[in-house]
Amino acid sequence: MKNRIKINMFAGGLNVEGQGVASAFLEQEELVNEIDKFDIYVNEKKKKDFDICHFHTINPSFFFKYKKNRVNVCSVHFIPEFDDGSLKMPKFAFNVYRSYTLKFYRKADKLVVVNPYFIRPLVELGFKKENIKYIPNFVSRDKFYKYNDEKRKIIRKTYGFSEDDFIVLGVGQTQTRKGIVDFCKVAESMPDVKFVWAGGFSFKKITSGYEEIKKLIDNPPKNMKFLGIVPRETMNDVYNLADVLFLPSYQELFPMTLLECVNVEIPFVVRDLDLYKEIFLTDYIVGNNNEEFKEILNRLKEDPKFKEEGFKKSLAIASFYSKEHVKEMRKEYYSSLVDDKN
């Protein structure tokens, strides 16, 4: 085997603010760059003797970038059969999108899924299980970490909150699937609690539920603030002003925001989705409807012991998705691809 492995990583949408896939790629690219045995290139157009081409997104401009005599890997962030409802799309357009997506995946020699929940449906679609590898996303503790009490007070004051406010944070694109309507209804039912949503319309007017959500943003509950799209470099401030992250999504792919939240060491509350059972591998706080969410949030506010339990659950999840763990998985995976080819 060669001493060094050359990898060309293809990724689009890196300049689209508020998109989780782009955030995940930047974290992974930075991580793999730290492994001494790899030479990493991003969207490299010049001819080089690459060992691996890894497609992190399925942009049409990448469709003919697959290389013979190379190992071609494609990351699977979504499956059309499990469309997440992010975009409004007529049936004809969806069929074209589905056909293209599966063709892109089928061109690859290997697939990497960001959560194990995708393995079964891919096999049912005809992909070989032995060619599918689960490697999770991760979030760097250098970028997302807990502030001390003094800095936390300063951040709260900056955003117009007091030290005594109980703050419930929601993070994500303002889409119907994120449960943002429910988030607002729960906020209305808890006037003594502050609610904050960080995120906006990354896909503008073609976002699913745009009209309804735009009305909520223009006329939010009195105890709620919409921050809009927050630059990634300041998101750690936003997490640190909160007491709990509340994400009532109806559908998710792999919610990077939850990994960011656990690094900051705050508890989170989510809807009881099958996806989470696959990716978290431990206990976490769930609800099924707005009444349950209200009850849970009130308990977190009033019961220090329950909040401490939620904090411990976050720590357990953070340890599994640590940088060191995922780094070793990446190292072993890319090395094995080249070993198998030689």
Protein backbone atom coordinates (compact mmCIF):
# COMPACT_ATOMS: atom_id res chain seq x y z
CA MET A 1 0.00 0.00 0.00
CA LYS A 2 1.13 3.56 -0.66
CA ASN A 3 2.44 5.55 2.27
CA ARG A 4 -0.05 8.35 1.67
CA ILE A 5 -3.60 8.18 0.34
CA LYS A 6 -4.92 10.95 -1.91
CA ILE A 7 -8.61 11.76 -1.50
CA ASN A 8 -10.60 14.21 -3.61
CA MET A 9 -13.71 15.32 -1.74
CA PHE A 10 -16.59 16.76 -3.73
CA ALA A 11 -19.11 18.98 -1.94
CA GLY A 12 -21.54 21.68 -3.03
CA GLY A 13 -23.59 24.27 -1.17
CA LEU A 14 -20.71 25.25 1.08
CA ASN A 15 -21.73 28.91 0.89
CA VAL A 16 -25.39 28.31 1.77
CA GLU A 17 -25.88 29.55 5.33
CA GLY A 18 -27.85 27.47 7.81
CA GLN A 19 -27.51 24.14 5.99
CA GLY A 20 -26.63 21.10 8.10
CA VAL A 21 -25.06 19.08 5.27
CA ALA A 22 -22.52 21.82 4.57
CA SER A 23 -21.70 22.11 8.28
CA ALA A 24 -21.23 18.34 8.51
CA PHE A 25 -18.90 18.29 5.49
CA LEU A 26 -16.69 21.09 6.82
CA GLU A 27 -16.31 19.26 10.13
CA GLN A 28 -15.46 15.96 8.41
CA GLU A 29 -13.04 17.53 5.94
CA GLU A 30 -11.19 19.28 8.74
CA LEU A 31 -11.09 16.05 10.73
CA VAL A 32 -9.66 13.91 7.93
CA ASN A 33 -7.08 16.59 7.17
CA GLU A 34 -5.64 15.95 10.62
CA ILE A 35 -4.82 12.33 9.74
CA ASP A 36 -1.21 12.31 8.63
CA LYS A 37 -1.48 9.48 6.09
CA PHE A 38 -4.06 11.34 3.92
CA ASP A 39 -3.69 14.14 1.37
CA ILE A 40 -7.06 15.86 1.07
CA TYR A 41 -8.34 17.95 -1.83
CA VAL A 42 -11.76 19.61 -2.16
CA ASN A 43 -13.49 19.87 -5.55
CA GLU A 44 -10.10 19.51 -7.25
CA LYS A 45 -10.50 19.87 -11.04
CA LYS A 46 -6.94 19.26 -12.15
CA LYS A 47 -5.92 15.72 -12.99
CA LYS A 48 -4.20 14.03 -10.08
CA ASP A 49 -3.50 10.44 -9.17
CA PHE A 50 -6.29 10.17 -6.60
CA ASP A 51 -6.88 6.94 -4.74
CA ILE A 52 -10.39 7.84 -3.60
CA CYS A 53 -13.08 10.21 -4.86
CA HIS A 54 -15.62 10.91 -2.12
CA PHE A 55 -18.84 12.66 -3.13
CA HIS A 56 -20.42 14.32 -0.09
CA THR A 57 -23.27 15.93 -2.08
CA ILE A 58 -24.98 14.89 -5.32
CA ASN A 59 -24.71 18.09 -7.35
CA PRO A 60 -25.37 17.54 -11.09
CA SER A 61 -21.92 19.01 -11.81
CA PHE A 62 -20.44 16.01 -9.96
CA PHE A 63 -22.37 13.32 -11.88
CA PHE A 64 -19.60 12.74 -14.42
CA LYS A 65 -16.74 13.18 -11.94
CA TYR A 66 -16.70 9.50 -11.02
CA LYS A 67 -13.33 8.04 -12.01
CA LYS A 68 -12.50 4.59 -13.34
CA ASN A 69 -9.65 2.81 -11.57
CA ARG A 70 -10.41 4.81 -8.43
CA VAL A 71 -12.56 3.98 -5.42
CA ASN A 72 -15.68 6.14 -5.72
CA VAL A 73 -17.52 6.78 -2.45
CA CYS A 74 -20.80 8.65 -2.01
CA SER A 75 -22.25 9.92 1.26
CA VAL A 76 -25.98 9.30 1.68
CA HIS A 77 -27.59 12.17 3.58
CA PHE A 78 -31.11 11.40 2.39
CA ILE A 79 -33.17 8.81 0.50
CA PRO A 80 -36.03 9.95 -1.76
CA GLU A 81 -38.36 7.32 -0.25
CA PHE A 82 -37.87 9.12 3.05
CA ASP A 83 -38.17 12.63 1.64
CA ASP A 84 -37.80 14.98 4.59
CA GLY A 85 -40.36 17.50 3.35
CA SER A 86 -37.88 20.37 3.08
CA LEU A 87 -39.06 21.54 -0.32
CA LYS A 88 -42.38 21.99 -2.10
CA MET A 89 -42.14 19.70 -5.13
CA PRO A 90 -44.77 18.53 -7.67
CA LYS A 91 -44.99 14.78 -8.29
CA PHE A 92 -43.26 14.95 -11.68
CA ALA A 93 -40.34 16.91 -10.26
CA PHE A 94 -40.09 14.49 -7.31
CA ASN A 95 -39.90 11.51 -9.67
CA VAL A 96 -37.07 13.17 -11.60
CA TYR A 97 -35.30 13.99 -8.33
CA ARG A 98 -35.74 10.40 -7.10
CA SER A 99 -34.43 8.88 -10.34
CA TYR A 100 -31.40 11.17 -10.42
CA THR A 101 -30.54 10.60 -6.74
CA LEU A 102 -30.60 6.81 -7.03
CA LYS A 103 -28.57 6.90 -10.26
CA PHE A 104 -25.97 9.02 -8.49
CA TYR A 105 -25.77 6.55 -5.61
CA ARG A 106 -25.59 3.54 -7.97
CA LYS A 107 -22.56 4.98 -9.74
CA ALA A 108 -20.56 4.73 -6.52
CA ASP A 109 -18.51 1.72 -5.49
CA LYS A 110 -19.23 2.36 -1.81
CA LEU A 111 -21.83 4.29 0.17
CA VAL A 112 -21.37 5.99 3.53
CA VAL A 113 -24.53 6.61 5.54
CA VAL A 114 -24.66 9.25 8.25
CA ASN A 115 -26.96 7.10 10.36
CA PRO A 116 -27.70 3.35 10.41
CA TYR A 117 -31.42 3.97 9.84
CA PHE A 118 -30.70 4.30 6.11
CA ILE A 119 -29.06 0.89 5.65
CA ARG A 120 -32.25 -1.20 5.49
CA PRO A 121 -34.09 0.98 2.90
CA LEU A 122 -30.95 1.13 0.73
CA VAL A 123 -30.72 -2.67 0.74
CA GLU A 124 -34.42 -2.85 -0.15
CA LEU A 125 -33.66 -0.56 -3.11
CA GLY A 126 -31.08 -3.07 -4.36
CA PHE A 127 -27.81 -1.77 -2.89
CA LYS A 128 -25.46 -4.41 -1.47
CA LYS A 129 -25.20 -4.25 2.31
CA GLU A 130 -21.47 -5.05 2.23
CA ASN A 131 -20.90 -1.85 0.23
CA ILE A 132 -22.61 0.37 2.82
CA LYS A 133 -20.72 1.77 5.80
CA TYR A 134 -22.11 3.74 8.72
CA ILE A 135 -19.86 6.60 9.85
CA PRO A 136 -21.58 9.23 12.00
CA ASN A 137 -21.16 12.97 11.88
CA PHE A 138 -19.43 14.69 14.75
CA VAL A 139 -19.02 18.19 16.15
CA SER A 140 -15.70 19.65 17.25
CA ARG A 141 -15.37 20.53 20.94
CA ASP A 142 -13.06 23.33 19.85
CA LYS A 143 -16.05 25.08 18.27
CA PHE A 144 -18.94 23.97 20.48
CA TYR A 145 -18.33 23.89 24.21
CA LYS A 146 -19.78 25.09 27.51
CA TYR A 147 -18.99 28.64 28.70
CA ASN A 148 -18.33 29.54 32.31
CA ASP A 149 -21.11 31.24 34.28
CA GLU A 150 -19.71 34.75 33.84
CA LYS A 151 -19.45 34.50 30.05
CA ARG A 152 -22.91 32.95 29.90
CA LYS A 153 -24.36 35.96 31.76
CA ILE A 154 -22.72 38.30 29.25
CA ILE A 155 -24.14 36.36 26.29
CA ARG A 156 -27.63 36.45 27.79
CA LYS A 157 -27.42 40.20 28.31
CA THR A 158 -26.22 40.64 24.70
CA TYR A 159 -29.35 38.87 23.44
CA GLY A 160 -31.66 40.76 25.78
CA PHE A 161 -32.22 38.09 28.43
CA SER A 162 -31.71 38.12 32.18
CA GLU A 163 -29.77 35.71 34.34
CA ASP A 164 -33.03 34.33 35.78
CA ASP A 165 -34.82 33.68 32.47
CA PHE A 166 -35.50 30.05 31.59
CA ILE A 167 -34.69 29.86 27.88
CA VAL A 168 -35.88 27.19 25.45
CA LEU A 169 -33.93 27.13 22.19
CA GLY A 170 -34.93 25.77 18.79
CA VAL A 171 -32.39 25.49 15.97
CA GLY A 172 -32.86 24.66 12.29
CA GLN A 173 -34.16 25.85 8.98
CA THR A 174 -37.65 27.30 9.23
CA GLN A 175 -39.47 24.39 7.59
CA THR A 176 -42.70 22.58 8.38
CA ARG A 177 -40.90 19.29 9.10
CA LYS A 178 -38.89 20.97 11.88
CA GLY A 179 -42.06 21.32 13.93
CA ILE A 180 -41.71 25.08 14.13
CA VAL A 181 -45.50 25.58 14.29
CA ASP A 182 -45.63 23.33 17.35
CA PHE A 183 -42.66 25.17 18.82
CA CYS A 184 -44.64 28.42 18.61
CA LYS A 185 -47.80 26.84 20.07
CA VAL A 186 -45.84 25.49 23.05
CA ALA A 187 -44.30 28.96 23.51
CA GLU A 188 -47.78 30.53 23.58
CA SER A 189 -48.85 28.07 26.26
CA MET A 190 -45.85 28.91 28.50
CA PRO A 191 -45.78 32.73 28.81
CA ASP A 192 -43.37 32.63 31.79
CA VAL A 193 -40.66 30.95 29.67
CA LYS A 194 -38.52 32.55 26.94
CA PHE A 195 -38.38 30.81 23.55
CA VAL A 196 -35.76 31.46 20.86
CA TRP A 197 -35.46 30.05 17.33
CA ALA A 198 -32.17 30.26 15.42
CA GLY A 199 -32.55 29.56 11.70
CA GLY A 200 -34.25 30.89 8.61
CA PHE A 201 -35.36 30.18 5.04
CA SER A 202 -32.22 28.71 3.46
CA PHE A 203 -34.31 27.71 0.42
CA LYS A 204 -36.33 30.96 0.30
CA LYS A 205 -39.90 30.73 -1.01
CA ILE A 206 -39.66 27.12 -2.20
CA THR A 207 -39.35 26.04 1.44
CA SER A 208 -42.19 23.76 2.53
CA GLY A 209 -44.73 25.75 4.57
CA TYR A 210 -43.17 29.11 3.65
CA GLU A 211 -46.36 31.22 3.81
CA GLU A 212 -47.56 29.86 7.18
CA ILE A 213 -44.14 30.08 8.79
CA LYS A 214 -43.50 33.58 7.41
CA LYS A 215 -46.66 34.75 9.24
CA LEU A 216 -45.35 33.26 12.49
CA ILE A 217 -41.99 34.98 12.05
CA ASP A 218 -43.68 38.32 11.38
CA ASN A 219 -46.01 37.90 14.39
CA PRO A 220 -44.32 35.64 16.95
CA PRO A 221 -45.64 34.93 20.45
CA LYS A 222 -44.72 37.73 22.88
CA ASN A 223 -42.23 35.49 24.71
CA MET A 224 -40.46 34.32 21.55
CA LYS A 225 -37.63 35.64 19.39
CA PHE A 226 -36.69 34.59 15.86
CA LEU A 227 -32.96 35.21 15.35
CA GLY A 228 -32.92 34.33 11.65
CA ILE A 229 -29.94 32.52 10.13
CA VAL A 230 -27.06 32.74 12.59
CA PRO A 231 -23.45 32.48 11.29
CA ARG A 232 -21.92 29.18 12.38
CA GLU A 233 -19.05 30.95 14.14
CA THR A 234 -21.50 32.56 16.58
CA MET A 235 -23.80 29.57 17.14
CA ASN A 236 -21.88 28.51 20.26
CA ASP A 237 -23.03 31.76 21.87
CA VAL A 238 -26.65 30.89 21.06
CA TYR A 239 -26.42 27.40 22.57
CA ASN A 240 -24.80 28.78 25.71
CA LEU A 241 -27.63 31.22 26.42
CA ALA A 242 -30.15 28.36 26.56
CA ASP A 243 -31.28 26.05 29.36
CA VAL A 244 -32.63 23.39 27.02
CA LEU A 245 -32.79 22.62 23.30
CA PHE A 246 -36.30 21.78 22.07
CA LEU A 247 -36.52 20.21 18.61
CA PRO A 248 -40.08 18.99 17.84
CA SER A 249 -39.21 17.83 14.29
CA TYR A 250 -41.50 15.39 12.51
CA GLN A 251 -38.70 14.21 10.20
CA GLU A 252 -34.93 14.36 10.47
CA LEU A 253 -31.91 13.06 8.57
CA PHE A 254 -29.09 13.49 11.08
CA PRO A 255 -29.66 16.57 13.25
CA MET A 256 -26.26 18.22 13.66
CA THR A 257 -27.84 20.69 16.06
CA LEU A 258 -28.29 17.91 18.65
CA LEU A 259 -24.59 17.06 18.50
CA GLU A 260 -23.72 20.73 18.91
CA CYS A 261 -26.10 20.96 21.86
CA VAL A 262 -24.63 17.98 23.75
CA ASN A 263 -21.14 19.45 23.42
CA VAL A 264 -22.43 22.54 25.23
CA GLU A 265 -23.78 20.18 27.91
CA ILE A 266 -27.42 21.18 27.90
CA PRO A 267 -30.34 18.70 27.83
CA PHE A 268 -32.52 18.36 24.75
CA VAL A 269 -36.14 17.40 24.13
CA VAL A 270 -37.23 15.79 20.86
CA ARG A 271 -40.24 14.10 19.31
CA ASP A 272 -40.21 10.30 19.63
CA LEU A 273 -38.86 9.43 16.15
CA ASP A 274 -37.54 5.99 15.16
CA LEU A 275 -34.43 7.65 13.72
CA TYR A 276 -33.23 8.77 17.14
CA LYS A 277 -33.44 5.22 18.49
CA GLU A 278 -30.89 4.20 15.85
CA ILE A 279 -28.39 7.03 16.28
CA PHE A 280 -28.33 7.87 19.99
CA LEU A 281 -27.94 4.37 21.45
CA THR A 282 -28.81 5.64 24.92
CA ASP A 283 -31.60 7.29 26.88
CA TYR A 284 -32.86 10.79 26.01
CA ILE A 285 -35.94 12.95 26.70
CA VAL A 286 -38.85 12.54 24.26
CA GLY A 287 -42.44 13.70 23.88
CA ASN A 288 -45.21 12.94 21.38
CA ASN A 289 -47.42 16.04 21.40
CA ASN A 290 -47.53 19.64 22.57
CA GLU A 291 -49.07 18.81 25.95
CA GLU A 292 -46.26 16.37 26.68
CA PHE A 293 -43.65 18.87 25.49
CA LYS A 294 -45.11 21.55 27.77
CA GLU A 295 -45.08 19.15 30.74
CA ILE A 296 -41.45 18.13 30.07
CA LEU A 297 -40.22 21.71 29.65
CA ASN A 298 -41.98 22.78 32.84
CA ARG A 299 -40.38 19.89 34.68
CA LEU A 300 -36.94 20.85 33.38
CA LYS A 301 -37.61 24.37 34.59
CA GLU A 302 -38.88 23.44 38.06
CA ASP A 303 -37.06 20.18 38.90
CA PRO A 304 -33.25 20.54 39.21
CA LYS A 305 -32.83 16.78 39.58
CA PHE A 306 -34.68 16.09 36.31
CA LYS A 307 -32.60 18.75 34.54
CA GLU A 308 -29.41 17.15 35.90
CA GLU A 309 -30.54 13.79 34.50
CA GLY A 310 -31.06 15.43 31.10
CA PHE A 311 -27.58 16.91 31.31
CA LYS A 312 -26.08 13.45 31.99
CA LYS A 313 -27.92 11.99 29.00
CA SER A 314 -26.32 14.66 26.80
CA LEU A 315 -22.84 13.81 28.11
CA ALA A 316 -23.32 10.12 27.27
CA ILE A 317 -24.28 10.96 23.67
CA ALA A 318 -21.40 13.42 23.31
CA SER A 319 -18.86 10.74 24.23
CA PHE A 320 -20.00 8.39 21.43
CA TYR A 321 -19.89 11.14 18.81
CA SER A 322 -16.52 12.44 19.93
CA LYS A 323 -13.94 13.67 17.46
CA GLU A 324 -11.49 10.94 18.43
CA HIS A 325 -13.98 8.13 17.85
CA VAL A 326 -15.14 9.33 14.44
CA LYS A 327 -11.57 10.18 13.39
CA GLU A 328 -10.48 6.58 13.97
CA MET A 329 -13.49 5.31 12.01
CA ARG A 330 -12.57 7.52 9.04
CA LYS A 331 -8.95 6.47 9.17
CA GLU A 332 -9.78 2.77 9.18
CA TYR A 333 -12.40 3.13 6.44
CA TYR A 334 -10.32 5.02 3.86
CA SER A 335 -7.29 2.81 4.54
CA SER A 336 -9.36 -0.36 4.05
CA LEU A 337 -10.66 0.90 0.68
CA VAL A 338 -7.14 1.24 -0.68
CA ASP A 339 -6.00 -2.05 0.92
CA ASP A 340 -8.90 -3.89 -0.75
CA LYS A 341 -8.12 -2.40 -4.16
CA ASN A 342 -4.42 -3.32 -4.05
